Amino acid sequence: MLTSLNLSYNQLGSEGIKALANVLNRNATLTSLNLGSNSIESEGGKALANALCKNTTLKNLNLQYNNLGPEGGKALAVALCKNTTTLKDLNLEGNKLGSEGGKALADALCINKTLTTLDLENNNLGSEGGKALASALCENNTLIFLDLYGNNLGSEGGKALADALCENTALTDLNLYDNKLGLEGGKALADALLKNNKLTTLDIRYNHINIIIESRNESTRILQ
């Protein structure tokens, strides 16, 4: 009985993914699927999202570097809102989701109750995408790991996320590596760490912060 399948780097393309999506509609055993680097693009992403609306067993899905774009991101966001989804770990690294895709996924996080790990590394979410995700974190209480490495969040996105950390009680790991947070974003995060007692790992390297963050939360490991 197959429970884990790795098809990464196979040049499946959108047509190959559509065929696979048809199988996922009926499959009841697969729990882990790696489709990284397969040139899925938005059309393949939509087909896969439709399959996820029906599949009730998949828990881990890796879609990194597939050029899904904003439309693919929006389609996956719809799937995450379905009460049939069982996804716990979703990797969307390097998919050019942009702020629109980020906003759609943020809306989904306000509804989804299963996802615990979300990787959005290198998706050019920008400050607007960052602010949308921050709002979602104020409502979501299941996500424990969020990777926002290299998304050009800027100081505004950083400040919004800092505000979210003052309210969120679930997140334990947050990666903000290389996001141009700047001094203001750094100060906001420092203040947030005085109030948040759940976060254990925060990566804020390459953010031009130029300050040493001191936190009363001694259990938080800060990579700076």
C-alpha atoms as a PDB file:
ATOM      1  CA  MET A   1       0.000   0.000   0.000  1.00  0.00           C
ATOM      2  CA  LEU A   2       1.681   3.189  -1.219  1.00  0.00           C
ATOM      3  CA  THR A   3       1.640   6.009   1.328  1.00  0.00           C
ATOM      4  CA  SER A   4       4.557   8.206   0.161  1.00  0.00           C
ATOM      5  CA  LEU A   5       5.450   9.250  -3.400  1.00  0.00           C
ATOM      6  CA  ASN A   6       8.355  11.433  -4.574  1.00  0.00           C
ATOM      7  CA  LEU A   7       8.031  12.672  -8.172  1.00  0.00           C
ATOM      8  CA  SER A   8      10.251  15.747  -7.893  1.00  0.00           C
ATOM      9  CA  TYR A   9      12.391  16.825 -10.878  1.00  0.00           C
ATOM     10  CA  ASN A  10      10.430  14.774 -13.423  1.00  0.00           C
ATOM     11  CA  GLN A  11       9.276  17.490 -15.830  1.00  0.00           C
ATOM     12  CA  LEU A  12       5.667  16.392 -15.463  1.00  0.00           C
ATOM     13  CA  GLY A  13       4.309  19.733 -16.626  1.00  0.00           C
ATOM     14  CA  SER A  14       0.692  20.808 -16.295  1.00  0.00           C
ATOM     15  CA  GLU A  15      -0.632  17.897 -18.374  1.00  0.00           C
ATOM     16  CA  GLY A  16       1.162  15.298 -16.291  1.00  0.00           C
ATOM     17  CA  ILE A  17      -0.143  16.889 -13.118  1.00  0.00           C
ATOM     18  CA  LYS A  18      -3.690  16.895 -14.462  1.00  0.00           C
ATOM     19  CA  ALA A  19      -3.438  13.125 -14.969  1.00  0.00           C
ATOM     20  CA  LEU A  20      -2.056  12.718 -11.453  1.00  0.00           C
ATOM     21  CA  ALA A  21      -4.832  14.905 -10.074  1.00  0.00           C
ATOM     22  CA  ASN A  22      -7.409  12.488 -11.476  1.00  0.00           C
ATOM     23  CA  VAL A  23      -5.759   9.706  -9.502  1.00  0.00           C
ATOM     24  CA  LEU A  24      -5.708  11.788  -6.315  1.00  0.00           C
ATOM     25  CA  ASN A  25      -9.453  12.232  -6.622  1.00  0.00           C
ATOM     26  CA  ARG A  26      -9.868   8.523  -5.939  1.00  0.00           C
ATOM     27  CA  ASN A  27      -6.759   7.632  -3.917  1.00  0.00           C
ATOM     28  CA  ALA A  28      -7.320   6.806  -0.250  1.00  0.00           C
ATOM     29  CA  THR A  29      -3.841   5.719   0.882  1.00  0.00           C
ATOM     30  CA  LEU A  30      -1.296   8.410  -0.087  1.00  0.00           C
ATOM     31  CA  THR A  31      -0.294  10.661   2.805  1.00  0.00           C
ATOM     32  CA  SER A  32       2.884  12.301   1.427  1.00  0.00           C
ATOM     33  CA  LEU A  33       3.467  13.672  -2.092  1.00  0.00           C
ATOM     34  CA  ASN A  34       6.540  15.514  -3.404  1.00  0.00           C
ATOM     35  CA  LEU A  35       6.033  17.288  -6.744  1.00  0.00           C
ATOM     36  CA  GLY A  36       8.866  19.791  -6.417  1.00  0.00           C
ATOM     37  CA  SER A  37      10.340  21.298  -9.618  1.00  0.00           C
ATOM     38  CA  ASN A  38       7.932  19.893 -12.190  1.00  0.00           C
ATOM     39  CA  SER A  39       6.878  23.012 -14.124  1.00  0.00           C
ATOM     40  CA  ILE A  40       3.295  22.591 -12.961  1.00  0.00           C
ATOM     41  CA  GLU A  41       2.369  26.264 -13.530  1.00  0.00           C
ATOM     42  CA  SER A  42      -1.040  27.766 -12.771  1.00  0.00           C
ATOM     43  CA  GLU A  43      -3.162  25.327 -14.791  1.00  0.00           C
ATOM     44  CA  GLY A  44      -1.578  22.303 -13.170  1.00  0.00           C
ATOM     45  CA  GLY A  45      -1.918  23.997  -9.805  1.00  0.00           C
ATOM     46  CA  LYS A  46      -5.637  24.493 -10.343  1.00  0.00           C
ATOM     47  CA  ALA A  47      -6.118  20.834 -11.301  1.00  0.00           C
ATOM     48  CA  LEU A  48      -4.217  19.729  -8.219  1.00  0.00           C
ATOM     49  CA  ALA A  49      -6.225  22.092  -6.031  1.00  0.00           C
ATOM     50  CA  ASN A  50      -9.472  20.602  -7.337  1.00  0.00           C
ATOM     51  CA  ALA A  51      -8.192  17.145  -6.441  1.00  0.00           C
ATOM     52  CA  LEU A  52      -7.303  18.317  -2.942  1.00  0.00           C
ATOM     53  CA  CYS A  53     -10.906  19.395  -2.446  1.00  0.00           C
ATOM     54  CA  LYS A  54     -11.886  15.716  -2.733  1.00  0.00           C
ATOM     55  CA  ASN A  55      -8.858  13.909  -1.311  1.00  0.00           C
ATOM     56  CA  THR A  56      -9.105  13.087   2.401  1.00  0.00           C
ATOM     57  CA  THR A  57      -5.787  11.370   3.169  1.00  0.00           C
ATOM     58  CA  LEU A  58      -2.920  13.599   1.975  1.00  0.00           C
ATOM     59  CA  LYS A  59      -1.046  15.227   4.846  1.00  0.00           C
ATOM     60  CA  ASN A  60       2.250  16.408   3.316  1.00  0.00           C
ATOM     61  CA  LEU A  61       2.484  18.178  -0.053  1.00  0.00           C
ATOM     62  CA  ASN A  62       5.647  19.660  -1.576  1.00  0.00           C
ATOM     63  CA  LEU A  63       5.080  21.966  -4.564  1.00  0.00           C
ATOM     64  CA  GLN A  64       8.277  24.007  -4.395  1.00  0.00           C
ATOM     65  CA  TYR A  65       9.556  25.692  -7.560  1.00  0.00           C
ATOM     66  CA  ASN A  66       6.642  25.028  -9.883  1.00  0.00           C
ATOM     67  CA  ASN A  67       5.812  28.530 -11.110  1.00  0.00           C
ATOM     68  CA  LEU A  68       2.250  28.305  -9.814  1.00  0.00           C
ATOM     69  CA  GLY A  69       1.835  32.076  -9.859  1.00  0.00           C
ATOM     70  CA  PRO A  70      -0.941  34.055  -8.133  1.00  0.00           C
ATOM     71  CA  GLU A  71      -3.732  32.048  -9.776  1.00  0.00           C
ATOM     72  CA  GLY A  72      -2.285  28.728  -8.682  1.00  0.00           C
ATOM     73  CA  GLY A  73      -1.911  30.104  -5.178  1.00  0.00           C
ATOM     74  CA  LYS A  74      -5.523  31.256  -5.129  1.00  0.00           C
ATOM     75  CA  ALA A  75      -6.738  27.827  -6.251  1.00  0.00           C
ATOM     76  CA  LEU A  76      -4.791  26.111  -3.484  1.00  0.00           C
ATOM     77  CA  ALA A  77      -6.186  28.606  -0.994  1.00  0.00           C
ATOM     78  CA  VAL A  78      -9.710  27.525  -1.945  1.00  0.00           C
ATOM     79  CA  ALA A  79      -8.745  23.891  -1.336  1.00  0.00           C
ATOM     80  CA  LEU A  80      -7.371  24.762   2.103  1.00  0.00           C
ATOM     81  CA  CYS A  81     -10.751  26.198   3.049  1.00  0.00           C
ATOM     82  CA  LYS A  82     -12.560  22.905   2.452  1.00  0.00           C
ATOM     83  CA  ASN A  83     -13.458  20.989   5.592  1.00  0.00           C
ATOM     84  CA  THR A  84     -12.387  17.778   3.845  1.00  0.00           C
ATOM     85  CA  THR A  85      -8.707  18.750   3.682  1.00  0.00           C
ATOM     86  CA  THR A  86      -6.252  16.833   5.843  1.00  0.00           C
ATOM     87  CA  LEU A  87      -3.098  18.727   4.808  1.00  0.00           C
ATOM     88  CA  LYS A  88      -0.700  19.444   7.645  1.00  0.00           C
ATOM     89  CA  ASP A  89       2.504  20.390   5.786  1.00  0.00           C
ATOM     90  CA  LEU A  90       2.480  22.529   2.615  1.00  0.00           C
ATOM     91  CA  ASN A  91       5.640  23.693   0.820  1.00  0.00           C
ATOM     92  CA  LEU A  92       5.106  26.458  -1.760  1.00  0.00           C
ATOM     93  CA  GLU A  93       8.660  27.782  -1.874  1.00  0.00           C
ATOM     94  CA  GLY A  94       9.655  29.684  -5.027  1.00  0.00           C
ATOM     95  CA  ASN A  95       6.308  29.814  -6.830  1.00  0.00           C
ATOM     96  CA  LYS A  96       5.970  33.509  -7.720  1.00  0.00           C
ATOM     97  CA  LEU A  97       2.756  33.799  -5.732  1.00  0.00           C
ATOM     98  CA  GLY A  98       3.085  37.559  -5.307  1.00  0.00           C
ATOM     99  CA  SER A  99       0.959  39.647  -2.964  1.00  0.00           C
ATOM    100  CA  GLU A 100      -2.311  38.369  -4.464  1.00  0.00           C
ATOM    101  CA  GLY A 101      -1.423  34.741  -3.904  1.00  0.00           C
ATOM    102  CA  GLY A 102      -0.216  35.602  -0.419  1.00  0.00           C
ATOM    103  CA  LYS A 103      -3.464  37.368   0.431  1.00  0.00           C
ATOM    104  CA  ALA A 104      -5.522  34.405  -0.764  1.00  0.00           C
ATOM    105  CA  LEU A 105      -3.512  31.990   1.364  1.00  0.00           C
ATOM    106  CA  ALA A 106      -3.820  34.348   4.316  1.00  0.00           C
ATOM    107  CA  ASP A 107      -7.606  34.287   3.965  1.00  0.00           C
ATOM    108  CA  ALA A 108      -7.452  30.494   3.891  1.00  0.00           C
ATOM    109  CA  LEU A 109      -5.450  30.417   7.131  1.00  0.00           C
ATOM    110  CA  CYS A 110      -8.322  32.198   8.854  1.00  0.00           C
ATOM    111  CA  ILE A 111     -10.510  29.191   8.042  1.00  0.00           C
ATOM    112  CA  ASN A 112      -8.189  26.182   7.826  1.00  0.00           C
ATOM    113  CA  LYS A 113      -7.776  24.123  11.017  1.00  0.00           C
ATOM    114  CA  THR A 114      -5.353  21.406   9.862  1.00  0.00           C
ATOM    115  CA  LEU A 115      -2.202  23.090   8.511  1.00  0.00           C
ATOM    116  CA  THR A 116       0.698  23.201  10.968  1.00  0.00           C
ATOM    117  CA  THR A 117       3.621  23.928   8.610  1.00  0.00           C
ATOM    118  CA  LEU A 118       3.639  26.424   5.728  1.00  0.00           C
ATOM    119  CA  ASP A 119       6.685  27.285   3.605  1.00  0.00           C
ATOM    120  CA  LEU A 120       6.280  30.458   1.511  1.00  0.00           C
ATOM    121  CA  GLU A 121       9.965  31.152   0.980  1.00  0.00           C
ATOM    122  CA  ASN A 122      10.920  33.313  -2.023  1.00  0.00           C
ATOM    123  CA  ASN A 123       7.471  34.244  -3.309  1.00  0.00           C
ATOM    124  CA  ASN A 124       7.726  38.041  -3.522  1.00  0.00           C
ATOM    125  CA  LEU A 125       4.789  38.513  -1.175  1.00  0.00           C
ATOM    126  CA  GLY A 126       5.761  42.110  -0.432  1.00  0.00           C
ATOM    127  CA  SER A 127       4.481  44.222   2.442  1.00  0.00           C
ATOM    128  CA  GLU A 128       0.830  43.705   1.466  1.00  0.00           C
ATOM    129  CA  GLY A 129       1.172  39.938   1.488  1.00  0.00           C
ATOM    130  CA  GLY A 130       3.011  40.156   4.788  1.00  0.00           C
ATOM    131  CA  LYS A 131       0.294  42.283   6.348  1.00  0.00           C
ATOM    132  CA  ALA A 132      -2.394  39.879   5.154  1.00  0.00           C
ATOM    133  CA  LEU A 133      -0.571  36.934   6.700  1.00  0.00           C
ATOM    134  CA  ALA A 134      -0.137  38.906   9.912  1.00  0.00           C
ATOM    135  CA  SER A 135      -3.897  39.428  10.119  1.00  0.00           C
ATOM    136  CA  ALA A 136      -4.402  35.707   9.562  1.00  0.00           C
ATOM    137  CA  LEU A 137      -2.020  34.851  12.407  1.00  0.00           C
ATOM    138  CA  CYS A 138      -4.231  36.835  14.757  1.00  0.00           C
ATOM    139  CA  GLU A 139      -7.024  34.342  14.040  1.00  0.00           C
ATOM    140  CA  ASN A 140      -5.232  31.083  13.241  1.00  0.00           C
ATOM    141  CA  ASN A 141      -4.353  28.839  16.188  1.00  0.00           C
ATOM    142  CA  THR A 142      -3.015  25.721  14.454  1.00  0.00           C
ATOM    143  CA  LEU A 143       0.000  26.883  12.410  1.00  0.00           C
ATOM    144  CA  ILE A 144       3.244  26.325  14.317  1.00  0.00           C
ATOM    145  CA  PHE A 145       5.882  26.835  11.571  1.00  0.00           C
ATOM    146  CA  LEU A 146       5.896  29.665   9.011  1.00  0.00           C
ATOM    147  CA  ASP A 147       8.754  30.307   6.570  1.00  0.00           C
ATOM    148  CA  LEU A 148       8.731  33.751   4.921  1.00  0.00           C
ATOM    149  CA  TYR A 149      12.400  33.832   3.877  1.00  0.00           C
ATOM    150  CA  GLY A 150      13.184  36.327   1.097  1.00  0.00           C
ATOM    151  CA  ASN A 151       9.771  37.922   0.529  1.00  0.00           C
ATOM    152  CA  ASN A 152      10.602  41.630   0.591  1.00  0.00           C
ATOM    153  CA  LEU A 153       8.196  42.251   3.459  1.00  0.00           C
ATOM    154  CA  GLY A 154       9.803  45.569   4.382  1.00  0.00           C
ATOM    155  CA  SER A 155       9.367  47.440   7.649  1.00  0.00           C
ATOM    156  CA  GLU A 156       5.575  47.622   7.286  1.00  0.00           C
ATOM    157  CA  GLY A 157       5.261  43.882   6.851  1.00  0.00           C
ATOM    158  CA  GLY A 158       7.625  43.361   9.761  1.00  0.00           C
ATOM    159  CA  LYS A 159       5.647  45.635  12.047  1.00  0.00           C
ATOM    160  CA  ALA A 160       2.395  43.912  11.112  1.00  0.00           C
ATOM    161  CA  LEU A 161       3.875  40.504  11.903  1.00  0.00           C
ATOM    162  CA  ALA A 162       5.207  41.851  15.187  1.00  0.00           C
ATOM    163  CA  ASP A 163       1.695  42.965  16.127  1.00  0.00           C
ATOM    164  CA  ALA A 164       0.425  39.497  15.226  1.00  0.00           C
ATOM    165  CA  LEU A 165       2.993  37.873  17.521  1.00  0.00           C
ATOM    166  CA  CYS A 166       1.487  39.817  20.405  1.00  0.00           C
ATOM    167  CA  GLU A 167      -1.785  37.949  19.841  1.00  0.00           C
ATOM    168  CA  ASN A 168      -0.873  34.593  18.299  1.00  0.00           C
ATOM    169  CA  THR A 169      -0.517  31.728  20.761  1.00  0.00           C
ATOM    170  CA  ALA A 170       0.368  28.843  18.434  1.00  0.00           C
ATOM    171  CA  LEU A 171       3.382  29.768  16.281  1.00  0.00           C
ATOM    172  CA  THR A 172       6.699  28.393  17.544  1.00  0.00           C
ATOM    173  CA  ASP A 173       8.983  28.892  14.505  1.00  0.00           C
ATOM    174  CA  LEU A 174       9.100  31.976  12.267  1.00  0.00           C
ATOM    175  CA  ASN A 175      11.656  32.554   9.504  1.00  0.00           C
ATOM    176  CA  LEU A 176      11.991  36.192   8.384  1.00  0.00           C
ATOM    177  CA  TYR A 177      15.484  35.871   6.899  1.00  0.00           C
ATOM    178  CA  ASP A 178      16.298  38.526   4.256  1.00  0.00           C
ATOM    179  CA  ASN A 179      13.137  40.644   4.243  1.00  0.00           C
ATOM    180  CA  LYS A 180      14.412  44.223   4.510  1.00  0.00           C
ATOM    181  CA  LEU A 181      12.709  44.682   7.870  1.00  0.00           C
ATOM    182  CA  GLY A 182      15.001  47.547   8.830  1.00  0.00           C
ATOM    183  CA  LEU A 183      15.364  49.244  12.194  1.00  0.00           C
ATOM    184  CA  GLU A 184      11.639  49.898  12.653  1.00  0.00           C
ATOM    185  CA  GLY A 185      10.714  46.316  11.902  1.00  0.00           C
ATOM    186  CA  GLY A 186      13.411  45.115  14.283  1.00  0.00           C
ATOM    187  CA  LYS A 187      12.209  47.345  17.097  1.00  0.00           C
ATOM    188  CA  ALA A 188       8.640  46.158  16.619  1.00  0.00           C
ATOM    189  CA  LEU A 189       9.737  42.528  16.804  1.00  0.00           C
ATOM    190  CA  ALA A 190      11.762  43.254  19.941  1.00  0.00           C
ATOM    191  CA  ASP A 191       8.675  44.693  21.613  1.00  0.00           C
ATOM    192  CA  ALA A 192       6.590  41.727  20.477  1.00  0.00           C
ATOM    193  CA  LEU A 193       9.009  39.254  22.039  1.00  0.00           C
ATOM    194  CA  LEU A 194       8.411  40.868  25.409  1.00  0.00           C
ATOM    195  CA  LYS A 195       4.775  39.766  25.151  1.00  0.00           C
ATOM    196  CA  ASN A 196       4.969  36.505  23.210  1.00  0.00           C
ATOM    197  CA  ASN A 197       5.895  33.428  25.256  1.00  0.00           C
ATOM    198  CA  LYS A 198       5.208  30.770  22.624  1.00  0.00           C
ATOM    199  CA  LEU A 199       7.778  31.485  19.878  1.00  0.00           C
ATOM    200  CA  THR A 200      10.930  29.391  20.268  1.00  0.00           C
ATOM    201  CA  THR A 201      12.820  30.157  17.026  1.00  0.00           C
ATOM    202  CA  LEU A 202      12.988  33.438  15.114  1.00  0.00           C
ATOM    203  CA  ASP A 203      15.346  33.928  12.157  1.00  0.00           C
ATOM    204  CA  ILE A 204      15.897  37.606  11.319  1.00  0.00           C
ATOM    205  CA  ARG A 205      19.277  37.469   9.591  1.00  0.00           C
ATOM    206  CA  TYR A 206      20.021  39.875   6.715  1.00  0.00           C
ATOM    207  CA  ASN A 207      17.402  42.452   7.622  1.00  0.00           C
ATOM    208  CA  HIS A 208      19.504  45.590   8.213  1.00  0.00           C
ATOM    209  CA  ILE A 209      18.287  45.763  11.784  1.00  0.00           C
ATOM    210  CA  ASN A 210      21.609  46.812  13.328  1.00  0.00           C
ATOM    211  CA  ILE A 211      20.399  46.381  16.878  1.00  0.00           C
ATOM    212  CA  ILE A 212      20.706  43.669  19.468  1.00  0.00           C
ATOM    213  CA  ILE A 213      17.281  42.369  20.402  1.00  0.00           C
ATOM    214  CA  GLU A 214      16.897  41.633  24.068  1.00  0.00           C
ATOM    215  CA  SER A 215      13.918  39.556  25.097  1.00  0.00           C
ATOM    216  CA  ARG A 216      12.524  38.566  28.449  1.00  0.00           C
ATOM    217  CA  ASN A 217      11.428  35.396  26.761  1.00  0.00           C
ATOM    218  CA  GLU A 218      14.573  33.390  27.407  1.00  0.00           C
ATOM    219  CA  SER A 219      13.232  30.349  25.581  1.00  0.00           C
ATOM    220  CA  THR A 220      13.241  32.155  22.227  1.00  0.00           C
ATOM    221  CA  ARG A 221      16.230  31.418  20.006  1.00  0.00           C
ATOM    222  CA  ILE A 222      16.953  34.414  17.767  1.00  0.00           C
ATOM    223  CA  LEU A 223      19.071  34.018  14.637  1.00  0.00           C
ATOM    224  CA  GLN A 224      20.315  37.488  13.818  1.00  0.00           C
END
